[in-house]
């Protein structure tokens, strides 16, 4: 098999004289978004609800707030000003820490459940809100948790080197939550290798795909209350389209996950 991992034998691939090669089928951003849009309209209420629930879970901890007013600082002595500054920084770090913990232990797991919902929903089957708890069931939690921590650590470490390597690593790992949504008990190393195979040669297309939503995001940001309503539809649209991209990449690379 040469450079191909042992578990690659579980996937479908074509052979030529030089060994296994992947099927050369293209995928279309336009087609992925068209199918994603059609997918959410089949189950609009649940599509909006599951994304909203995931976002609320993911943002737990950020609602903690406190305030040190300019007047407080103005009337404080130099020493007290220093104390208030360090207290402010300490509380900021505490809030960031709480949010990070919530995302690692709860948010990442819920996101896999959200992805499972959209993978099921795209097939026309009845996808329920109970999919949000998929990662917390049976033996699913630990492998999803381990993969989520490793993924976050690698993206952050590469991002600390330079922004571009961080973005590339993020795109390389972008299929991991979908692989886990299909097969949460798969070995973590295999999950990362599968995501690498699926995104090999596709990172620019994936970058353009994510960039294609920026116009809608700007419009929602400028539209005030109407923009907030627009985001309720935009975010499920993005999630459903990402699920279509995942399926298209599997078809192109002739990869079978489950």
C-alpha atoms as a PDB file:
ATOM      1  CA  UNK A   1       0.000   0.000   0.000  1.00  0.00           C
ATOM      2  CA  UNK A   2       2.999   2.284   0.253  1.00  0.00           C
ATOM      3  CA  UNK A   3       2.144   5.641   1.737  1.00  0.00           C
ATOM      4  CA  UNK A   4      -1.527   4.727   2.316  1.00  0.00           C
ATOM      5  CA  UNK A   5      -2.480   3.843   5.918  1.00  0.00           C
ATOM      6  CA  UNK A   6      -3.565   0.310   6.740  1.00  0.00           C
ATOM      7  CA  UNK A   7      -7.145   1.307   7.463  1.00  0.00           C
ATOM      8  CA  UNK A   8      -7.448   2.681   3.927  1.00  0.00           C
ATOM      9  CA  UNK A   9      -8.436  -0.822   2.910  1.00  0.00           C
ATOM     10  CA  UNK A  10     -11.841  -0.157   4.482  1.00  0.00           C
ATOM     11  CA  UNK A  11     -12.496   2.563   1.890  1.00  0.00           C
ATOM     12  CA  UNK A  12     -13.408   2.283  -1.768  1.00  0.00           C
ATOM     13  CA  UNK A  13     -10.699   3.282  -4.225  1.00  0.00           C
ATOM     14  CA  UNK A  14      -9.607   2.661  -7.795  1.00  0.00           C
ATOM     15  CA  UNK A  15      -6.390   0.912  -8.800  1.00  0.00           C
ATOM     16  CA  UNK A  16      -3.889   1.451 -11.555  1.00  0.00           C
ATOM     17  CA  UNK A  17      -0.344   0.195 -12.100  1.00  0.00           C
ATOM     18  CA  UNK A  18       1.070   2.662  -9.586  1.00  0.00           C
ATOM     19  CA  UNK A  19      -1.302   1.685  -6.784  1.00  0.00           C
ATOM     20  CA  UNK A  20      -4.560   3.141  -5.397  1.00  0.00           C
ATOM     21  CA  UNK A  21      -5.722   6.445  -6.807  1.00  0.00           C
ATOM     22  CA  UNK A  22      -8.801   8.405  -5.945  1.00  0.00           C
ATOM     23  CA  UNK A  23     -11.658   8.974  -8.342  1.00  0.00           C
ATOM     24  CA  UNK A  24     -11.364  12.320 -10.070  1.00  0.00           C
ATOM     25  CA  UNK A  25     -14.847  13.758  -9.753  1.00  0.00           C
ATOM     26  CA  UNK A  26     -15.404  17.428  -9.155  1.00  0.00           C
ATOM     27  CA  UNK A  27     -17.680  19.065  -6.636  1.00  0.00           C
ATOM     28  CA  UNK A  28     -19.404  22.393  -6.965  1.00  0.00           C
ATOM     29  CA  UNK A  29     -19.789  25.088  -4.318  1.00  0.00           C
ATOM     30  CA  UNK A  30     -22.912  26.285  -6.089  1.00  0.00           C
ATOM     31  CA  UNK A  31     -24.397  22.782  -6.082  1.00  0.00           C
ATOM     32  CA  UNK A  32     -23.549  22.243  -2.400  1.00  0.00           C
ATOM     33  CA  UNK A  33     -25.288  25.480  -1.447  1.00  0.00           C
ATOM     34  CA  UNK A  34     -28.292  24.706  -3.653  1.00  0.00           C
ATOM     35  CA  UNK A  35     -28.730  21.301  -2.030  1.00  0.00           C
ATOM     36  CA  UNK A  36     -28.131  22.776   1.426  1.00  0.00           C
ATOM     37  CA  UNK A  37     -30.823  25.397   0.879  1.00  0.00           C
ATOM     38  CA  UNK A  38     -33.289  22.748  -0.288  1.00  0.00           C
ATOM     39  CA  UNK A  39     -32.377  20.581   2.704  1.00  0.00           C
ATOM     40  CA  UNK A  40     -33.250  23.147   5.389  1.00  0.00           C
ATOM     41  CA  UNK A  41     -36.610  23.946   3.782  1.00  0.00           C
ATOM     42  CA  UNK A  42     -37.608  20.297   4.156  1.00  0.00           C
ATOM     43  CA  UNK A  43     -37.264  20.655   7.928  1.00  0.00           C
ATOM     44  CA  UNK A  44     -36.990  24.399   8.535  1.00  0.00           C
ATOM     45  CA  UNK A  45     -38.174  24.609  12.138  1.00  0.00           C
ATOM     46  CA  UNK A  46     -35.880  21.878  13.438  1.00  0.00           C
ATOM     47  CA  UNK A  47     -32.965  23.124  11.283  1.00  0.00           C
ATOM     48  CA  UNK A  48     -33.197  26.575  12.865  1.00  0.00           C
ATOM     49  CA  UNK A  49     -33.785  25.177  16.351  1.00  0.00           C
ATOM     50  CA  UNK A  50     -30.822  22.782  16.423  1.00  0.00           C
ATOM     51  CA  UNK A  51     -28.370  25.446  15.221  1.00  0.00           C
ATOM     52  CA  UNK A  52     -29.754  27.916  17.757  1.00  0.00           C
ATOM     53  CA  UNK A  53     -29.434  25.396  20.596  1.00  0.00           C
ATOM     54  CA  UNK A  54     -25.851  24.589  19.574  1.00  0.00           C
ATOM     55  CA  UNK A  55     -24.912  28.272  19.472  1.00  0.00           C
ATOM     56  CA  UNK A  56     -26.450  28.876  22.908  1.00  0.00           C
ATOM     57  CA  UNK A  57     -24.554  25.906  24.374  1.00  0.00           C
ATOM     58  CA  UNK A  58     -21.340  27.022  22.682  1.00  0.00           C
ATOM     59  CA  UNK A  59     -21.647  30.546  24.104  1.00  0.00           C
ATOM     60  CA  UNK A  60     -22.293  29.500  27.718  1.00  0.00           C
ATOM     61  CA  UNK A  61     -19.919  31.408  29.965  1.00  0.00           C
ATOM     62  CA  UNK A  62     -19.719  34.474  27.744  1.00  0.00           C
ATOM     63  CA  UNK A  63     -22.841  35.877  29.403  1.00  0.00           C
ATOM     64  CA  UNK A  64     -20.857  36.525  32.584  1.00  0.00           C
ATOM     65  CA  UNK A  65     -20.066  40.220  32.661  1.00  0.00           C
ATOM     66  CA  UNK A  66     -18.894  42.952  34.966  1.00  0.00           C
ATOM     67  CA  UNK A  67     -18.185  46.621  34.653  1.00  0.00           C
ATOM     68  CA  UNK A  68     -15.495  49.029  35.786  1.00  0.00           C
ATOM     69  CA  UNK A  69     -16.583  52.521  34.758  1.00  0.00           C
ATOM     70  CA  UNK A  70     -14.351  55.373  33.662  1.00  0.00           C
ATOM     71  CA  UNK A  71     -15.577  57.308  36.698  1.00  0.00           C
ATOM     72  CA  UNK A  72     -14.377  54.550  38.997  1.00  0.00           C
ATOM     73  CA  UNK A  73     -10.903  54.741  37.514  1.00  0.00           C
ATOM     74  CA  UNK A  74     -10.857  58.528  37.445  1.00  0.00           C
ATOM     75  CA  UNK A  75     -11.503  58.861  41.159  1.00  0.00           C
ATOM     76  CA  UNK A  76      -9.243  56.020  42.221  1.00  0.00           C
ATOM     77  CA  UNK A  77      -5.716  56.545  43.458  1.00  0.00           C
ATOM     78  CA  UNK A  78      -2.828  55.152  41.408  1.00  0.00           C
ATOM     79  CA  UNK A  79      -2.616  52.033  43.546  1.00  0.00           C
ATOM     80  CA  UNK A  80      -6.326  51.354  43.347  1.00  0.00           C
ATOM     81  CA  UNK A  81      -6.256  51.963  39.616  1.00  0.00           C
ATOM     82  CA  UNK A  82      -3.594  49.278  39.325  1.00  0.00           C
ATOM     83  CA  UNK A  83      -5.626  46.891  41.471  1.00  0.00           C
ATOM     84  CA  UNK A  84      -8.736  47.494  39.380  1.00  0.00           C
ATOM     85  CA  UNK A  85      -6.749  46.942  36.186  1.00  0.00           C
ATOM     86  CA  UNK A  86      -5.393  43.607  37.375  1.00  0.00           C
ATOM     87  CA  UNK A  87      -8.825  42.620  38.680  1.00  0.00           C
ATOM     88  CA  UNK A  88     -10.313  43.449  35.299  1.00  0.00           C
ATOM     89  CA  UNK A  89      -7.694  41.368  33.481  1.00  0.00           C
ATOM     90  CA  UNK A  90      -8.165  38.517  35.912  1.00  0.00           C
ATOM     91  CA  UNK A  91     -11.896  38.465  35.352  1.00  0.00           C
ATOM     92  CA  UNK A  92     -11.462  38.616  31.582  1.00  0.00           C
ATOM     93  CA  UNK A  93      -9.128  35.612  31.721  1.00  0.00           C
ATOM     94  CA  UNK A  94     -11.561  33.794  34.011  1.00  0.00           C
ATOM     95  CA  UNK A  95     -14.440  34.376  31.573  1.00  0.00           C
ATOM     96  CA  UNK A  96     -12.324  33.202  28.628  1.00  0.00           C
ATOM     97  CA  UNK A  97     -11.277  30.148  30.620  1.00  0.00           C
ATOM     98  CA  UNK A  98     -14.862  29.252  31.537  1.00  0.00           C
ATOM     99  CA  UNK A  99     -15.982  29.662  27.930  1.00  0.00           C
ATOM    100  CA  UNK A 100     -13.100  27.481  26.702  1.00  0.00           C
ATOM    101  CA  UNK A 101     -13.955  24.738  29.188  1.00  0.00           C
ATOM    102  CA  UNK A 102     -17.635  24.815  28.180  1.00  0.00           C
ATOM    103  CA  UNK A 103     -16.716  24.614  24.499  1.00  0.00           C
ATOM    104  CA  UNK A 104     -14.350  21.682  25.005  1.00  0.00           C
ATOM    105  CA  UNK A 105     -16.558  19.623  27.314  1.00  0.00           C
ATOM    106  CA  UNK A 106     -20.005  20.534  25.924  1.00  0.00           C
ATOM    107  CA  UNK A 107     -19.919  22.739  22.806  1.00  0.00           C
ATOM    108  CA  UNK A 108     -17.789  20.467  20.624  1.00  0.00           C
ATOM    109  CA  UNK A 109     -19.909  17.453  21.534  1.00  0.00           C
ATOM    110  CA  UNK A 110     -23.156  19.281  20.746  1.00  0.00           C
ATOM    111  CA  UNK A 111     -21.721  20.440  17.392  1.00  0.00           C
ATOM    112  CA  UNK A 112     -21.166  16.830  16.334  1.00  0.00           C
ATOM    113  CA  UNK A 113     -24.825  16.155  17.134  1.00  0.00           C
ATOM    114  CA  UNK A 114     -25.817  19.158  15.018  1.00  0.00           C
ATOM    115  CA  UNK A 115     -23.745  17.814  12.116  1.00  0.00           C
ATOM    116  CA  UNK A 116     -25.427  14.421  12.465  1.00  0.00           C
ATOM    117  CA  UNK A 117     -28.813  16.140  12.252  1.00  0.00           C
ATOM    118  CA  UNK A 118     -27.923  17.763   8.910  1.00  0.00           C
ATOM    119  CA  UNK A 119     -26.380  14.565   7.525  1.00  0.00           C
ATOM    120  CA  UNK A 120     -29.634  12.747   8.244  1.00  0.00           C
ATOM    121  CA  UNK A 121     -31.846  15.634   7.156  1.00  0.00           C
ATOM    122  CA  UNK A 122     -30.218  15.833   3.712  1.00  0.00           C
ATOM    123  CA  UNK A 123     -31.366  12.274   2.947  1.00  0.00           C
ATOM    124  CA  UNK A 124     -35.029  13.171   3.447  1.00  0.00           C
ATOM    125  CA  UNK A 125     -35.310  11.096   6.620  1.00  0.00           C
ATOM    126  CA  UNK A 126     -36.932  12.544   9.729  1.00  0.00           C
ATOM    127  CA  UNK A 127     -34.131  14.205  11.690  1.00  0.00           C
ATOM    128  CA  UNK A 128     -35.096  15.093  15.249  1.00  0.00           C
ATOM    129  CA  UNK A 129     -33.735  17.571  17.778  1.00  0.00           C
ATOM    130  CA  UNK A 130     -32.613  14.623  19.908  1.00  0.00           C
ATOM    131  CA  UNK A 131     -29.568  14.404  17.615  1.00  0.00           C
ATOM    132  CA  UNK A 132     -28.080  17.238  19.691  1.00  0.00           C
ATOM    133  CA  UNK A 133     -27.509  14.624  22.426  1.00  0.00           C
ATOM    134  CA  UNK A 134     -25.870  12.120  20.058  1.00  0.00           C
ATOM    135  CA  UNK A 135     -22.353  12.808  21.329  1.00  0.00           C
ATOM    136  CA  UNK A 136     -23.391  12.372  24.952  1.00  0.00           C
ATOM    137  CA  UNK A 137     -24.848   8.901  24.443  1.00  0.00           C
ATOM    138  CA  UNK A 138     -23.373   5.457  25.131  1.00  0.00           C
ATOM    139  CA  UNK A 139     -19.658   5.346  24.336  1.00  0.00           C
ATOM    140  CA  UNK A 140     -19.679   8.370  22.010  1.00  0.00           C
ATOM    141  CA  UNK A 141     -18.548  11.097  24.385  1.00  0.00           C
ATOM    142  CA  UNK A 142     -14.919  10.170  25.068  1.00  0.00           C
ATOM    143  CA  UNK A 143     -13.713   9.665  21.459  1.00  0.00           C
ATOM    144  CA  UNK A 144     -15.496  12.855  20.329  1.00  0.00           C
ATOM    145  CA  UNK A 145     -14.011  14.738  23.282  1.00  0.00           C
ATOM    146  CA  UNK A 146     -10.484  13.471  22.548  1.00  0.00           C
ATOM    147  CA  UNK A 147     -10.703  14.359  18.857  1.00  0.00           C
ATOM    148  CA  UNK A 148     -12.106  17.813  19.672  1.00  0.00           C
ATOM    149  CA  UNK A 149      -9.300  18.631  22.116  1.00  0.00           C
ATOM    150  CA  UNK A 150      -6.611  17.454  19.700  1.00  0.00           C
ATOM    151  CA  UNK A 151      -8.166  19.348  16.809  1.00  0.00           C
ATOM    152  CA  UNK A 152      -8.389  22.601  18.801  1.00  0.00           C
ATOM    153  CA  UNK A 153      -4.827  22.236  20.099  1.00  0.00           C
ATOM    154  CA  UNK A 154      -3.343  21.645  16.632  1.00  0.00           C
ATOM    155  CA  UNK A 155      -5.221  24.549  15.029  1.00  0.00           C
ATOM    156  CA  UNK A 156      -4.227  26.914  17.857  1.00  0.00           C
ATOM    157  CA  UNK A 157      -0.565  25.840  17.811  1.00  0.00           C
ATOM    158  CA  UNK A 158      -0.320  26.197  14.019  1.00  0.00           C
ATOM    159  CA  UNK A 159      -2.115  29.530  14.255  1.00  0.00           C
ATOM    160  CA  UNK A 160       0.445  30.773  16.788  1.00  0.00           C
ATOM    161  CA  UNK A 161       3.181  30.186  14.203  1.00  0.00           C
ATOM    162  CA  UNK A 162       1.468  32.124  11.427  1.00  0.00           C
ATOM    163  CA  UNK A 163      -2.120  32.882  10.444  1.00  0.00           C
ATOM    164  CA  UNK A 164      -1.957  31.086   7.084  1.00  0.00           C
ATOM    165  CA  UNK A 165      -0.708  27.725   8.506  1.00  0.00           C
ATOM    166  CA  UNK A 166      -3.450  27.982  11.137  1.00  0.00           C
ATOM    167  CA  UNK A 167      -6.111  28.451   8.449  1.00  0.00           C
ATOM    168  CA  UNK A 168      -4.700  25.538   6.429  1.00  0.00           C
ATOM    169  CA  UNK A 169      -4.730  23.280   9.483  1.00  0.00           C
ATOM    170  CA  UNK A 170      -8.291  24.368  10.291  1.00  0.00           C
ATOM    171  CA  UNK A 171      -9.432  23.441   6.778  1.00  0.00           C
ATOM    172  CA  UNK A 172      -7.546  20.134   6.924  1.00  0.00           C
ATOM    173  CA  UNK A 173      -9.423  19.251  10.109  1.00  0.00           C
ATOM    174  CA  UNK A 174     -12.778  20.664   8.973  1.00  0.00           C
ATOM    175  CA  UNK A 175     -14.264  17.249   8.119  1.00  0.00           C
ATOM    176  CA  UNK A 176     -13.518  15.747  11.547  1.00  0.00           C
ATOM    177  CA  UNK A 177     -16.869  16.715  13.158  1.00  0.00           C
ATOM    178  CA  UNK A 178     -18.740  15.101  10.236  1.00  0.00           C
ATOM    179  CA  UNK A 179     -16.685  11.906  10.359  1.00  0.00           C
ATOM    180  CA  UNK A 180     -17.404  11.676  14.084  1.00  0.00           C
ATOM    181  CA  UNK A 181     -21.098  12.321  13.411  1.00  0.00           C
ATOM    182  CA  UNK A 182     -21.124   9.187  11.241  1.00  0.00           C
ATOM    183  CA  UNK A 183     -18.705   7.019  13.217  1.00  0.00           C
ATOM    184  CA  UNK A 184     -17.957   8.451  16.679  1.00  0.00           C
ATOM    185  CA  UNK A 185     -16.121   5.343  17.892  1.00  0.00           C
ATOM    186  CA  UNK A 186     -13.521   5.358  15.110  1.00  0.00           C
ATOM    187  CA  UNK A 187      -9.895   5.612  16.241  1.00  0.00           C
ATOM    188  CA  UNK A 188      -8.805   9.238  16.657  1.00  0.00           C
ATOM    189  CA  UNK A 189      -5.749   8.867  14.408  1.00  0.00           C
ATOM    190  CA  UNK A 190      -7.940   7.391  11.681  1.00  0.00           C
ATOM    191  CA  UNK A 191     -10.403  10.270  12.002  1.00  0.00           C
ATOM    192  CA  UNK A 192      -7.622  12.816  11.476  1.00  0.00           C
ATOM    193  CA  UNK A 193      -6.166  10.848   8.561  1.00  0.00           C
ATOM    194  CA  UNK A 194      -9.578  10.552   6.914  1.00  0.00           C
ATOM    195  CA  UNK A 195     -10.139  14.304   7.191  1.00  0.00           C
ATOM    196  CA  UNK A 196      -6.702  14.873   5.678  1.00  0.00           C
ATOM    197  CA  UNK A 197      -7.548  12.574   2.751  1.00  0.00           C
ATOM    198  CA  UNK A 198     -10.907  14.252   2.161  1.00  0.00           C
ATOM    199  CA  UNK A 199      -9.426  17.767   2.169  1.00  0.00           C
ATOM    200  CA  UNK A 200      -6.235  17.002   0.254  1.00  0.00           C
ATOM    201  CA  UNK A 201      -6.142  19.285  -2.780  1.00  0.00           C
ATOM    202  CA  UNK A 202      -9.437  20.861  -1.699  1.00  0.00           C
ATOM    203  CA  UNK A 203      -8.359  23.489   0.829  1.00  0.00           C
ATOM    204  CA  UNK A 204      -8.611  26.432  -1.564  1.00  0.00           C
ATOM    205  CA  UNK A 205     -12.084  25.332  -2.649  1.00  0.00           C
ATOM    206  CA  UNK A 206     -13.105  24.939   0.991  1.00  0.00           C
ATOM    207  CA  UNK A 207     -11.739  28.410   1.775  1.00  0.00           C
ATOM    208  CA  UNK A 208     -13.730  29.902  -1.112  1.00  0.00           C
ATOM    209  CA  UNK A 209     -16.815  27.988   0.054  1.00  0.00           C
ATOM    210  CA  UNK A 210     -16.635  29.541   3.531  1.00  0.00           C
ATOM    211  CA  UNK A 211     -15.858  32.938   2.007  1.00  0.00           C
ATOM    212  CA  UNK A 212     -18.953  32.723  -0.198  1.00  0.00           C
ATOM    213  CA  UNK A 213     -21.174  33.387   2.829  1.00  0.00           C
ATOM    214  CA  UNK A 214     -19.418  36.571   3.891  1.00  0.00           C
ATOM    215  CA  UNK A 215     -21.688  38.840   1.844  1.00  0.00           C
ATOM    216  CA  UNK A 216     -24.759  37.496   3.626  1.00  0.00           C
ATOM    217  CA  UNK A 217     -23.010  37.811   7.003  1.00  0.00           C
ATOM    218  CA  UNK A 218     -22.139  41.468   6.347  1.00  0.00           C
ATOM    219  CA  UNK A 219     -25.695  42.162   5.211  1.00  0.00           C
ATOM    220  CA  UNK A 220     -27.108  40.555   8.360  1.00  0.00           C
ATOM    221  CA  UNK A 221     -24.679  42.566  10.476  1.00  0.00           C
ATOM    222  CA  UNK A 222     -25.835  45.840   8.916  1.00  0.00           C
ATOM    223  CA  UNK A 223     -29.546  45.055   8.948  1.00  0.00           C
ATOM    224  CA  UNK A 224     -30.120  45.287  12.710  1.00  0.00           C
ATOM    225  CA  UNK A 225     -33.201  43.398  13.875  1.00  0.00           C
ATOM    226  CA  UNK A 226     -33.870  42.127  10.363  1.00  0.00           C
ATOM    227  CA  UNK A 227     -30.274  40.898  10.244  1.00  0.00           C
ATOM    228  CA  UNK A 228     -30.827  38.874  13.417  1.00  0.00           C
ATOM    229  CA  UNK A 229     -33.803  37.215  11.776  1.00  0.00           C
ATOM    230  CA  UNK A 230     -31.682  36.633   8.675  1.00  0.00           C
ATOM    231  CA  UNK A 231     -28.998  34.905  10.748  1.00  0.00           C
ATOM    232  CA  UNK A 232     -31.599  32.446  12.017  1.00  0.00           C
ATOM    233  CA  UNK A 233     -31.854  31.231   8.423  1.00  0.00           C
ATOM    234  CA  UNK A 234     -28.255  31.862   7.347  1.00  0.00           C
ATOM    235  CA  UNK A 235     -26.610  29.679   9.985  1.00  0.00           C
ATOM    236  CA  UNK A 236     -28.705  26.549   9.216  1.00  0.00           C
ATOM    237  CA  UNK A 237     -28.114  27.250   5.510  1.00  0.00           C
ATOM    238  CA  UNK A 238     -24.353  27.205   6.125  1.00  0.00           C
ATOM    239  CA  UNK A 239     -24.529  24.047   8.248  1.00  0.00           C
ATOM    240  CA  UNK A 240     -26.649  22.201   5.676  1.00  0.00           C
ATOM    241  CA  UNK A 241     -24.333  23.302   2.844  1.00  0.00           C
ATOM    242  CA  UNK A 242     -21.274  22.108   4.787  1.00  0.00           C
ATOM    243  CA  UNK A 243     -22.933  18.695   5.158  1.00  0.00           C
ATOM    244  CA  UNK A 244     -23.391  18.617   1.372  1.00  0.00           C
ATOM    245  CA  UNK A 245     -19.707  19.502   0.841  1.00  0.00           C
ATOM    246  CA  UNK A 246     -18.719  16.631   3.141  1.00  0.00           C
ATOM    247  CA  UNK A 247     -20.835  14.166   1.165  1.00  0.00           C
ATOM    248  CA  UNK A 248     -19.484  15.497  -2.141  1.00  0.00           C
ATOM    249  CA  UNK A 249     -15.888  15.089  -0.954  1.00  0.00           C
ATOM    250  CA  UNK A 250     -16.619  11.527   0.147  1.00  0.00           C
ATOM    251  CA  UNK A 251     -18.049  10.795  -3.291  1.00  0.00           C
ATOM    252  CA  UNK A 252     -15.116  12.428  -5.060  1.00  0.00           C
ATOM    253  CA  UNK A 253     -12.510  10.589  -3.015  1.00  0.00           C
ATOM    254  CA  UNK A 254     -14.537   7.352  -2.994  1.00  0.00           C
ATOM    255  CA  UNK A 255     -14.404   7.186   0.789  1.00  0.00           C
ATOM    256  CA  UNK A 256     -16.875   5.223   2.895  1.00  0.00           C
ATOM    257  CA  UNK A 257     -16.921   6.205   6.568  1.00  0.00           C
ATOM    258  CA  UNK A 258     -19.470   4.058   8.377  1.00  0.00           C
END
